[in-house]
Amino acid sequence: MDREEFETYLNANSRVVAIFRSLALAYQHSKNRQRAISKRWSETAVASAVDKIVSQFIDNVYDKLKTNIKENKLRPYDSWVNFIEKNEVLDNLEDTVSETEFDDE
């Protein structure tokens, strides 16, 4: 399963990306309100920052899973799905993301 297939699978089978995006958006809006009025970002800039954070999140999850999944060369997609289902990855991810708090770096 490549990165794009993984993102599609996540979106189709879980709310984890939507939950994470919502938290990231709230964080970026909060951060933006703390800026001086003249320095505040436009909604487009905020959305772009959120997209970047979400993309990094998906990359991180994908990379961590990739190191643990032994792909069947004939059916690599099925190898991913079987691993994800067997290890309840989506449920665990949703639980973890629901408890996530963004901190200022």
PDB file of N, CA and C in Angstrom:
ATOM      1  N   MET A   1       0.865  -1.177   0.000  1.00  0.00           N
ATOM      2  CA  MET A   1       0.000   0.000   0.000  1.00  0.00           C
ATOM      3  C   MET A   1       0.903   1.229   0.000  1.00  0.00           C
ATOM      4  N   ASP A   2       0.673   2.100  -0.937  1.00  0.00           N
ATOM      5  CA  ASP A   2       1.477   3.313  -0.950  1.00  0.00           C
ATOM      6  C   ASP A   2       0.812   4.390  -0.076  1.00  0.00           C
ATOM      7  N   ARG A   3       1.476   5.510   0.046  1.00  0.00           N
ATOM      8  CA  ARG A   3       1.020   6.582   0.943  1.00  0.00           C
ATOM      9  C   ARG A   3      -0.375   7.084   0.570  1.00  0.00           C
ATOM     10  N   GLU A   4      -0.612   7.262  -0.727  1.00  0.00           N
ATOM     11  CA  GLU A   4      -1.899   7.771  -1.191  1.00  0.00           C
ATOM     12  C   GLU A   4      -3.025   6.767  -0.917  1.00  0.00           C
ATOM     13  N   GLU A   5      -2.752   5.482  -1.170  1.00  0.00           N
ATOM     14  CA  GLU A   5      -3.741   4.436  -0.874  1.00  0.00           C
ATOM     15  C   GLU A   5      -4.041   4.397   0.618  1.00  0.00           C
ATOM     16  N   PHE A   6      -2.995   4.578   1.427  1.00  0.00           N
ATOM     17  CA  PHE A   6      -3.174   4.569   2.869  1.00  0.00           C
ATOM     18  C   PHE A   6      -4.081   5.710   3.318  1.00  0.00           C
ATOM     19  N   GLU A   7      -3.852   6.900   2.786  1.00  0.00           N
ATOM     20  CA  GLU A   7      -4.694   8.042   3.152  1.00  0.00           C
ATOM     21  C   GLU A   7      -6.150   7.796   2.737  1.00  0.00           C
ATOM     22  N   THR A   8      -6.349   7.253   1.559  1.00  0.00           N
ATOM     23  CA  THR A   8      -7.693   6.940   1.081  1.00  0.00           C
ATOM     24  C   THR A   8      -8.350   5.905   1.999  1.00  0.00           C
ATOM     25  N   TYR A   9      -7.580   4.883   2.379  1.00  0.00           N
ATOM     26  CA  TYR A   9      -8.085   3.848   3.283  1.00  0.00           C
ATOM     27  C   TYR A   9      -8.473   4.452   4.634  1.00  0.00           C
ATOM     28  N   LEU A  10      -7.606   5.301   5.166  1.00  0.00           N
ATOM     29  CA  LEU A  10      -7.897   5.956   6.446  1.00  0.00           C
ATOM     30  C   LEU A  10      -9.200   6.742   6.375  1.00  0.00           C
ATOM     31  N   ASN A  11      -9.348   7.553   5.345  1.00  0.00           N
ATOM     32  CA  ASN A  11     -10.542   8.384   5.207  1.00  0.00           C
ATOM     33  C   ASN A  11     -11.806   7.551   5.013  1.00  0.00           C
ATOM     34  N   ALA A  12     -11.689   6.420   4.342  1.00  0.00           N
ATOM     35  CA  ALA A  12     -12.853   5.579   4.066  1.00  0.00           C
ATOM     36  C   ALA A  12     -13.273   4.727   5.264  1.00  0.00           C
ATOM     37  N   ASN A  13     -12.329   4.422   6.143  1.00  0.00           N
ATOM     38  CA  ASN A  13     -12.600   3.457   7.210  1.00  0.00           C
ATOM     39  C   ASN A  13     -12.501   4.011   8.622  1.00  0.00           C
ATOM     40  N   SER A  14     -12.233   5.283   8.741  1.00  0.00           N
ATOM     41  CA  SER A  14     -12.011   5.855  10.064  1.00  0.00           C
ATOM     42  C   SER A  14     -12.289   7.358  10.043  1.00  0.00           C
ATOM     43  N   ARG A  15     -12.554   7.881  11.214  1.00  0.00           N
ATOM     44  CA  ARG A  15     -12.723   9.329  11.358  1.00  0.00           C
ATOM     45  C   ARG A  15     -11.450   9.983  11.881  1.00  0.00           C
ATOM     46  N   VAL A  16     -10.367   9.232  11.974  1.00  0.00           N
ATOM     47  CA  VAL A  16      -9.151   9.736  12.611  1.00  0.00           C
ATOM     48  C   VAL A  16      -8.606  10.991  11.922  1.00  0.00           C
ATOM     49  N   VAL A  17      -8.627  11.036  10.603  1.00  0.00           N
ATOM     50  CA  VAL A  17      -8.100  12.206   9.894  1.00  0.00           C
ATOM     51  C   VAL A  17      -9.006  13.407  10.142  1.00  0.00           C
ATOM     52  N   ALA A  18     -10.316  13.180  10.119  1.00  0.00           N
ATOM     53  CA  ALA A  18     -11.260  14.275  10.376  1.00  0.00           C
ATOM     54  C   ALA A  18     -11.111  14.805  11.799  1.00  0.00           C
ATOM     55  N   ILE A  19     -10.944  13.906  12.758  1.00  0.00           N
ATOM     56  CA  ILE A  19     -10.764  14.316  14.162  1.00  0.00           C
ATOM     57  C   ILE A  19      -9.464  15.110  14.293  1.00  0.00           C
ATOM     58  N   PHE A  20      -8.390  14.588  13.705  1.00  0.00           N
ATOM     59  CA  PHE A  20      -7.100  15.259  13.784  1.00  0.00           C
ATOM     60  C   PHE A  20      -7.165  16.630  13.118  1.00  0.00           C
ATOM     61  N   ARG A  21      -7.807  16.690  11.943  1.00  0.00           N
ATOM     62  CA  ARG A  21      -7.934  17.966  11.224  1.00  0.00           C
ATOM     63  C   ARG A  21      -8.696  18.985  12.070  1.00  0.00           C
ATOM     64  N   SER A  22      -9.748  18.552  12.730  1.00  0.00           N
ATOM     65  CA  SER A  22     -10.543  19.446  13.574  1.00  0.00           C
ATOM     66  C   SER A  22      -9.706  20.000  14.729  1.00  0.00           C
ATOM     67  N   LEU A  23      -8.921  19.132  15.357  1.00  0.00           N
ATOM     68  CA  LEU A  23      -8.046  19.568  16.454  1.00  0.00           C
ATOM     69  C   LEU A  23      -6.965  20.530  15.951  1.00  0.00           C
ATOM     70  N   ALA A  24      -6.394  20.208  14.797  1.00  0.00           N
ATOM     71  CA  ALA A  24      -5.352  21.066  14.221  1.00  0.00           C
ATOM     72  C   ALA A  24      -5.923  22.433  13.844  1.00  0.00           C
ATOM     73  N   LEU A  25      -7.135  22.446  13.320  1.00  0.00           N
ATOM     74  CA  LEU A  25      -7.777  23.705  12.939  1.00  0.00           C
ATOM     75  C   LEU A  25      -8.054  24.563  14.177  1.00  0.00           C
ATOM     76  N   ALA A  26      -8.565  23.944  15.229  1.00  0.00           N
ATOM     77  CA  ALA A  26      -8.814  24.681  16.469  1.00  0.00           C
ATOM     78  C   ALA A  26      -7.507  25.253  17.018  1.00  0.00           C
ATOM     79  N   TYR A  27      -6.448  24.452  16.956  1.00  0.00           N
ATOM     80  CA  TYR A  27      -5.141  24.907  17.421  1.00  0.00           C
ATOM     81  C   TYR A  27      -4.644  26.096  16.600  1.00  0.00           C
ATOM     82  N   GLN A  28      -4.747  25.999  15.280  1.00  0.00           N
ATOM     83  CA  GLN A  28      -4.267  27.085  14.420  1.00  0.00           C
ATOM     84  C   GLN A  28      -5.092  28.362  14.606  1.00  0.00           C
ATOM     85  N   HIS A  29      -6.394  28.214  14.803  1.00  0.00           N
ATOM     86  CA  HIS A  29      -7.224  29.400  15.062  1.00  0.00           C
ATOM     87  C   HIS A  29      -6.843  30.051  16.392  1.00  0.00           C
ATOM     88  N   SER A  30      -6.601  29.229  17.389  1.00  0.00           N
ATOM     89  CA  SER A  30      -6.192  29.740  18.698  1.00  0.00           C
ATOM     90  C   SER A  30      -4.856  30.478  18.592  1.00  0.00           C
ATOM     91  N   LYS A  31      -3.934  29.861  17.881  1.00  0.00           N
ATOM     92  CA  LYS A  31      -2.615  30.465  17.686  1.00  0.00           C
ATOM     93  C   LYS A  31      -2.743  31.791  16.920  1.00  0.00           C
ATOM     94  N   ASN A  32      -3.631  31.804  15.939  1.00  0.00           N
ATOM     95  CA  ASN A  32      -3.821  32.993  15.116  1.00  0.00           C
ATOM     96  C   ASN A  32      -4.415  34.140  15.938  1.00  0.00           C
ATOM     97  N   ARG A  33      -5.339  33.821  16.843  1.00  0.00           N
ATOM     98  CA  ARG A  33      -5.949  34.860  17.695  1.00  0.00           C
ATOM     99  C   ARG A  33      -4.924  35.500  18.626  1.00  0.00           C
ATOM    100  N   GLN A  34      -3.860  34.785  18.928  1.00  0.00           N
ATOM    101  CA  GLN A  34      -2.825  35.311  19.815  1.00  0.00           C
ATOM    102  C   GLN A  34      -1.865  36.256  19.088  1.00  0.00           C
ATOM    103  N   ARG A  35      -1.908  36.245  17.783  1.00  0.00           N
ATOM    104  CA  ARG A  35      -1.033  37.140  17.008  1.00  0.00           C
ATOM    105  C   ARG A  35      -1.593  38.559  17.039  1.00  0.00           C
ATOM    106  N   ALA A  36      -0.706  39.514  16.870  1.00  0.00           N
ATOM    107  CA  ALA A  36      -1.148  40.899  16.735  1.00  0.00           C
ATOM    108  C   ALA A  36      -2.067  40.976  15.519  1.00  0.00           C
ATOM    109  N   ILE A  37      -3.064  41.848  15.589  1.00  0.00           N
ATOM    110  CA  ILE A  37      -4.048  41.941  14.512  1.00  0.00           C
ATOM    111  C   ILE A  37      -3.383  42.093  13.151  1.00  0.00           C
ATOM    112  N   SER A  38      -2.371  42.916  13.076  1.00  0.00           N
ATOM    113  CA  SER A  38      -1.698  43.138  11.791  1.00  0.00           C
ATOM    114  C   SER A  38      -0.905  41.920  11.313  1.00  0.00           C
ATOM    115  N   LYS A  39      -0.635  40.973  12.213  1.00  0.00           N
ATOM    116  CA  LYS A  39       0.165  39.794  11.877  1.00  0.00           C
ATOM    117  C   LYS A  39      -0.688  38.541  11.692  1.00  0.00           C
ATOM    118  N   ARG A  40      -1.996  38.668  11.879  1.00  0.00           N
ATOM    119  CA  ARG A  40      -2.856  37.488  11.785  1.00  0.00           C
ATOM    120  C   ARG A  40      -2.892  36.942  10.371  1.00  0.00           C
ATOM    121  N   TRP A  41      -3.010  35.621  10.312  1.00  0.00           N
ATOM    122  CA  TRP A  41      -3.051  34.928   9.038  1.00  0.00           C
ATOM    123  C   TRP A  41      -4.452  34.969   8.451  1.00  0.00           C
ATOM    124  N   SER A  42      -4.530  34.890   7.134  1.00  0.00           N
ATOM    125  CA  SER A  42      -5.818  34.769   6.450  1.00  0.00           C
ATOM    126  C   SER A  42      -6.339  33.341   6.666  1.00  0.00           C
ATOM    127  N   GLU A  43      -7.626  33.139   6.370  1.00  0.00           N
ATOM    128  CA  GLU A  43      -8.189  31.784   6.480  1.00  0.00           C
ATOM    129  C   GLU A  43      -7.452  30.819   5.557  1.00  0.00           C
ATOM    130  N   THR A  44      -7.025  31.304   4.413  1.00  0.00           N
ATOM    131  CA  THR A  44      -6.283  30.470   3.464  1.00  0.00           C
ATOM    132  C   THR A  44      -4.961  30.006   4.070  1.00  0.00           C
ATOM    133  N   ALA A  45      -4.271  30.911   4.744  1.00  0.00           N
ATOM    134  CA  ALA A  45      -2.996  30.563   5.381  1.00  0.00           C
ATOM    135  C   ALA A  45      -3.211  29.578   6.525  1.00  0.00           C
ATOM    136  N   VAL A  46      -4.277  29.793   7.290  1.00  0.00           N
ATOM    137  CA  VAL A  46      -4.597  28.874   8.390  1.00  0.00           C
ATOM    138  C   VAL A  46      -4.898  27.487   7.817  1.00  0.00           C
ATOM    139  N   ALA A  47      -5.721  27.437   6.773  1.00  0.00           N
ATOM    140  CA  ALA A  47      -6.078  26.160   6.144  1.00  0.00           C
ATOM    141  C   ALA A  47      -4.843  25.454   5.588  1.00  0.00           C
ATOM    142  N   SER A  48      -3.932  26.221   5.019  1.00  0.00           N
ATOM    143  CA  SER A  48      -2.705  25.651   4.480  1.00  0.00           C
ATOM    144  C   SER A  48      -1.846  25.050   5.599  1.00  0.00           C
ATOM    145  N   ALA A  49      -1.758  25.748   6.721  1.00  0.00           N
ATOM    146  CA  ALA A  49      -0.994  25.243   7.867  1.00  0.00           C
ATOM    147  C   ALA A  49      -1.620  23.951   8.394  1.00  0.00           C
ATOM    148  N   VAL A  50      -2.944  23.917   8.444  1.00  0.00           N
ATOM    149  CA  VAL A  50      -3.649  22.714   8.905  1.00  0.00           C
ATOM    150  C   VAL A  50      -3.390  21.558   7.942  1.00  0.00           C
ATOM    151  N   ASP A  51      -3.469  21.822   6.640  1.00  0.00           N
ATOM    152  CA  ASP A  51      -3.202  20.777   5.644  1.00  0.00           C
ATOM    153  C   ASP A  51      -1.807  20.190   5.819  1.00  0.00           C
ATOM    154  N   LYS A  52      -0.845  21.064   6.114  1.00  0.00           N
ATOM    155  CA  LYS A  52       0.539  20.617   6.304  1.00  0.00           C
ATOM    156  C   LYS A  52       0.659  19.725   7.547  1.00  0.00           C
ATOM    157  N   ILE A  53       0.017  20.127   8.630  1.00  0.00           N
ATOM    158  CA  ILE A  53       0.051  19.340   9.869  1.00  0.00           C
ATOM    159  C   ILE A  53      -0.608  17.980   9.651  1.00  0.00           C
ATOM    160  N   VAL A  54      -1.748  17.971   8.968  1.00  0.00           N
ATOM    161  CA  VAL A  54      -2.465  16.719   8.700  1.00  0.00           C
ATOM    162  C   VAL A  54      -1.624  15.803   7.816  1.00  0.00           C
ATOM    163  N   SER A  55      -0.998  16.363   6.801  1.00  0.00           N
ATOM    164  CA  SER A  55      -0.151  15.577   5.913  1.00  0.00           C
ATOM    165  C   SER A  55       1.016  14.956   6.681  1.00  0.00           C
ATOM    166  N   GLN A  56       1.626  15.732   7.569  1.00  0.00           N
ATOM    167  CA  GLN A  56       2.728  15.210   8.394  1.00  0.00           C
ATOM    168  C   GLN A  56       2.242  14.087   9.307  1.00  0.00           C
ATOM    169  N   PHE A  57       1.048  14.243   9.859  1.00  0.00           N
ATOM    170  CA  PHE A  57       0.464  13.221  10.723  1.00  0.00           C
ATOM    171  C   PHE A  57       0.287  11.914   9.940  1.00  0.00           C
ATOM    172  N   ILE A  58      -0.293  12.005   8.751  1.00  0.00           N
ATOM    173  CA  ILE A  58      -0.519  10.813   7.936  1.00  0.00           C
ATOM    174  C   ILE A  58       0.821  10.186   7.543  1.00  0.00           C
ATOM    175  N   ASP A  59       1.795  11.016   7.175  1.00  0.00           N
ATOM    176  CA  ASP A  59       3.138  10.509   6.846  1.00  0.00           C
ATOM    177  C   ASP A  59       3.728   9.733   8.016  1.00  0.00           C
ATOM    178  N   ASN A  60       3.620  10.291   9.218  1.00  0.00           N
ATOM    179  CA  ASN A  60       4.179   9.644  10.406  1.00  0.00           C
ATOM    180  C   ASN A  60       3.521   8.298  10.672  1.00  0.00           C
ATOM    181  N   VAL A  61       2.192   8.256  10.592  1.00  0.00           N
ATOM    182  CA  VAL A  61       1.473   7.004  10.830  1.00  0.00           C
ATOM    183  C   VAL A  61       1.858   5.983   9.756  1.00  0.00           C
ATOM    184  N   TYR A  62       1.886   6.424   8.522  1.00  0.00           N
ATOM    185  CA  TYR A  62       2.239   5.536   7.408  1.00  0.00           C
ATOM    186  C   TYR A  62       3.646   4.954   7.604  1.00  0.00           C
ATOM    187  N   ASP A  63       4.594   5.822   7.926  1.00  0.00           N
ATOM    188  CA  ASP A  63       5.981   5.366   8.100  1.00  0.00           C
ATOM    189  C   ASP A  63       6.115   4.371   9.253  1.00  0.00           C
ATOM    190  N   LYS A  64       5.399   4.620  10.350  1.00  0.00           N
ATOM    191  CA  LYS A  64       5.455   3.699  11.493  1.00  0.00           C
ATOM    192  C   LYS A  64       4.850   2.350  11.136  1.00  0.00           C
ATOM    193  N   LEU A  65       3.731   2.363  10.439  1.00  0.00           N
ATOM    194  CA  LEU A  65       3.108   1.104  10.034  1.00  0.00           C
ATOM    195  C   LEU A  65       3.983   0.357   9.030  1.00  0.00           C
ATOM    196  N   LYS A  66       4.548   1.092   8.109  1.00  0.00           N
ATOM    197  CA  LYS A  66       5.349   0.491   7.034  1.00  0.00           C
ATOM    198  C   LYS A  66       6.489  -0.360   7.593  1.00  0.00           C
ATOM    199  N   THR A  67       7.078   0.081   8.700  1.00  0.00           N
ATOM    200  CA  THR A  67       8.192  -0.673   9.278  1.00  0.00           C
ATOM    201  C   THR A  67       7.720  -1.956   9.967  1.00  0.00           C
ATOM    202  N   ASN A  68       6.425  -2.045  10.288  1.00  0.00           N
ATOM    203  CA  ASN A  68       5.903  -3.209  11.010  1.00  0.00           C
ATOM    204  C   ASN A  68       5.146  -4.201  10.137  1.00  0.00           C
ATOM    205  N   ILE A  69       4.866  -3.833   8.909  1.00  0.00           N
ATOM    206  CA  ILE A  69       4.056  -4.690   8.046  1.00  0.00           C
ATOM    207  C   ILE A  69       4.944  -5.458   7.077  1.00  0.00           C
ATOM    208  N   LYS A  70       4.760  -6.771   7.088  1.00  0.00           N
ATOM    209  CA  LYS A  70       5.459  -7.607   6.118  1.00  0.00           C
ATOM    210  C   LYS A  70       4.513  -7.782   4.942  1.00  0.00           C
ATOM    211  N   GLU A  71       4.831  -7.107   3.854  1.00  0.00           N
ATOM    212  CA  GLU A  71       3.952  -7.132   2.685  1.00  0.00           C
ATOM    213  C   GLU A  71       4.079  -8.443   1.927  1.00  0.00           C
ATOM    214  N   ASN A  72       2.935  -8.984   1.580  1.00  0.00           N
ATOM    215  CA  ASN A  72       2.876 -10.100   0.656  1.00  0.00           C
ATOM    216  C   ASN A  72       3.095  -9.486  -0.731  1.00  0.00           C
ATOM    217  N   LYS A  73       4.101  -9.941  -1.438  1.00  0.00           N
ATOM    218  CA  LYS A  73       4.455  -9.330  -2.731  1.00  0.00           C
ATOM    219  C   LYS A  73       3.313  -9.416  -3.745  1.00  0.00           C
ATOM    220  N   LEU A  74       2.508 -10.464  -3.658  1.00  0.00           N
ATOM    221  CA  LEU A  74       1.403 -10.614  -4.603  1.00  0.00           C
ATOM    222  C   LEU A  74       0.190  -9.771  -4.234  1.00  0.00           C
ATOM    223  N   ARG A  75       0.004  -9.544  -2.922  1.00  0.00           N
ATOM    224  CA  ARG A  75      -1.160  -8.771  -2.467  1.00  0.00           C
ATOM    225  C   ARG A  75      -0.757  -7.825  -1.336  1.00  0.00           C
ATOM    226  N   PRO A  76       0.054  -6.812  -1.651  1.00  0.00           N
ATOM    227  CA  PRO A  76       0.542  -5.906  -0.601  1.00  0.00           C
ATOM    228  C   PRO A  76      -0.580  -5.138   0.094  1.00  0.00           C
ATOM    229  N   TYR A  77      -1.598  -4.734  -0.646  1.00  0.00           N
ATOM    230  CA  TYR A  77      -2.715  -3.975  -0.061  1.00  0.00           C
ATOM    231  C   TYR A  77      -3.397  -4.811   1.026  1.00  0.00           C
ATOM    232  N   ASP A  78      -3.634  -6.081   0.715  1.00  0.00           N
ATOM    233  CA  ASP A  78      -4.274  -6.979   1.687  1.00  0.00           C
ATOM    234  C   ASP A  78      -3.422  -7.160   2.936  1.00  0.00           C
ATOM    235  N   SER A  79      -2.105  -7.170   2.768  1.00  0.00           N
ATOM    236  CA  SER A  79      -1.207  -7.290   3.923  1.00  0.00           C
ATOM    237  C   SER A  79      -1.430  -6.123   4.883  1.00  0.00           C
ATOM    238  N   TRP A  80      -1.556  -4.931   4.319  1.00  0.00           N
ATOM    239  CA  TRP A  80      -1.788  -3.737   5.140  1.00  0.00           C
ATOM    240  C   TRP A  80      -3.135  -3.820   5.849  1.00  0.00           C
ATOM    241  N   VAL A  81      -4.177  -4.129   5.092  1.00  0.00           N
ATOM    242  CA  VAL A  81      -5.521  -4.180   5.665  1.00  0.00           C
ATOM    243  C   VAL A  81      -5.581  -5.230   6.776  1.00  0.00           C
ATOM    244  N   ASN A  82      -5.008  -6.406   6.538  1.00  0.00           N
ATOM    245  CA  ASN A  82      -5.009  -7.459   7.552  1.00  0.00           C
ATOM    246  C   ASN A  82      -4.285  -7.008   8.817  1.00  0.00           C
ATOM    247  N   PHE A  83      -3.130  -6.378   8.653  1.00  0.00           N
ATOM    248  CA  PHE A  83      -2.374  -5.898   9.819  1.00  0.00           C
ATOM    249  C   PHE A  83      -3.175  -4.844  10.581  1.00  0.00           C
ATOM    250  N   ILE A  84      -3.741  -3.896   9.855  1.00  0.00           N
ATOM    251  CA  ILE A  84      -4.499  -2.800  10.473  1.00  0.00           C
ATOM    252  C   ILE A  84      -5.695  -3.348  11.240  1.00  0.00           C
ATOM    253  N   GLU A  85      -6.415  -4.283  10.646  1.00  0.00           N
ATOM    254  CA  GLU A  85      -7.598  -4.860  11.303  1.00  0.00           C
ATOM    255  C   GLU A  85      -7.204  -5.740  12.485  1.00  0.00           C
ATOM    256  N   LYS A  86      -6.221  -6.610  12.289  1.00  0.00           N
ATOM    257  CA  LYS A  86      -5.795  -7.536  13.343  1.00  0.00           C
ATOM    258  C   LYS A  86      -5.311  -6.794  14.587  1.00  0.00           C
ATOM    259  N   ASN A  87      -4.626  -5.685  14.384  1.00  0.00           N
ATOM    260  CA  ASN A  87      -4.046  -4.936  15.498  1.00  0.00           C
ATOM    261  C   ASN A  87      -4.901  -3.744  15.940  1.00  0.00           C
ATOM    262  N   GLU A  88      -6.109  -3.661  15.406  1.00  0.00           N
ATOM    263  CA  GLU A  88      -7.048  -2.584  15.760  1.00  0.00           C
ATOM    264  C   GLU A  88      -6.392  -1.206  15.679  1.00  0.00           C
ATOM    265  N   VAL A  89      -5.625  -1.012  14.631  1.00  0.00           N
ATOM    266  CA  VAL A  89      -4.862   0.223  14.453  1.00  0.00           C
ATOM    267  C   VAL A  89      -5.790   1.442  14.394  1.00  0.00           C
ATOM    268  N   LEU A  90      -6.886   1.340  13.648  1.00  0.00           N
ATOM    269  CA  LEU A  90      -7.763   2.504  13.485  1.00  0.00           C
ATOM    270  C   LEU A  90      -8.420   2.899  14.802  1.00  0.00           C
ATOM    271  N   ASP A  91      -8.896   1.920  15.573  1.00  0.00           N
ATOM    272  CA  ASP A  91      -9.503   2.234  16.873  1.00  0.00           C
ATOM    273  C   ASP A  91      -8.490   2.880  17.811  1.00  0.00           C
ATOM    274  N   ASN A  92      -7.291   2.306  17.845  1.00  0.00           N
ATOM    275  CA  ASN A  92      -6.247   2.853  18.708  1.00  0.00           C
ATOM    276  C   ASN A  92      -5.841   4.254  18.279  1.00  0.00           C
ATOM    277  N   LEU A  93      -5.754   4.463  16.974  1.00  0.00           N
ATOM    278  CA  LEU A  93      -5.403   5.783  16.459  1.00  0.00           C
ATOM    279  C   LEU A  93      -6.461   6.813  16.827  1.00  0.00           C
ATOM    280  N   GLU A  94      -7.731   6.453  16.670  1.00  0.00           N
ATOM    281  CA  GLU A  94      -8.814   7.381  17.018  1.00  0.00           C
ATOM    282  C   GLU A  94      -8.760   7.740  18.494  1.00  0.00           C
ATOM    283  N   ASP A  95      -8.525   6.736  19.344  1.00  0.00           N
ATOM    284  CA  ASP A  95      -8.431   6.999  20.784  1.00  0.00           C
ATOM    285  C   ASP A  95      -7.272   7.944  21.081  1.00  0.00           C
ATOM    286  N   THR A  96      -6.129   7.673  20.486  1.00  0.00           N
ATOM    287  CA  THR A  96      -4.944   8.497  20.726  1.00  0.00           C
ATOM    288  C   THR A  96      -5.152   9.918  20.226  1.00  0.00           C
ATOM    289  N   VAL A  97      -5.689  10.056  19.025  1.00  0.00           N
ATOM    290  CA  VAL A  97      -5.886  11.384  18.440  1.00  0.00           C
ATOM    291  C   VAL A  97      -6.910  12.178  19.244  1.00  0.00           C
ATOM    292  N   SER A  98      -7.941  11.503  19.732  1.00  0.00           N
ATOM    293  CA  SER A  98      -8.968  12.197  20.521  1.00  0.00           C
ATOM    294  C   SER A  98      -8.388  12.843  21.780  1.00  0.00           C
ATOM    295  N   GLU A  99      -7.289  12.265  22.261  1.00  0.00           N
ATOM    296  CA  GLU A  99      -6.647  12.783  23.477  1.00  0.00           C
ATOM    297  C   GLU A  99      -5.492  13.730  23.172  1.00  0.00           C
ATOM    298  N   THR A 100      -5.246  13.984  21.909  1.00  0.00           N
ATOM    299  CA  THR A 100      -4.118  14.814  21.501  1.00  0.00           C
ATOM    300  C   THR A 100      -4.356  16.275  21.838  1.00  0.00           C
ATOM    301  N   GLU A 101      -3.319  16.889  22.339  1.00  0.00           N
ATOM    302  CA  GLU A 101      -3.342  18.343  22.575  1.00  0.00           C
ATOM    303  C   GLU A 101      -2.133  18.913  21.858  1.00  0.00           C
ATOM    304  N   PHE A 102      -2.363  19.976  21.119  1.00  0.00           N
ATOM    305  CA  PHE A 102      -1.270  20.647  20.422  1.00  0.00           C
ATOM    306  C   PHE A 102      -0.619  21.625  21.386  1.00  0.00           C
ATOM    307  N   ASP A 103       0.700  21.635  21.368  1.00  0.00           N
ATOM    308  CA  ASP A 103       1.459  22.570  22.185  1.00  0.00           C
ATOM    309  C   ASP A 103       2.226  23.497  21.273  1.00  0.00           C
ATOM    310  N   ASP A 104       2.494  24.698  21.765  1.00  0.00           N
ATOM    311  CA  ASP A 104       3.349  25.602  21.004  1.00  0.00           C
ATOM    312  C   ASP A 104       4.761  25.046  21.026  1.00  0.00           C
ATOM    313  N   GLU A 105       5.376  25.081  19.859  1.00  0.00           N
ATOM    314  CA  GLU A 105       6.744  24.540  19.763  1.00  0.00           C
ATOM    315  C   GLU A 105       7.745  25.532  20.267  1.00  0.00           C
TER     316      GLU A 105
END
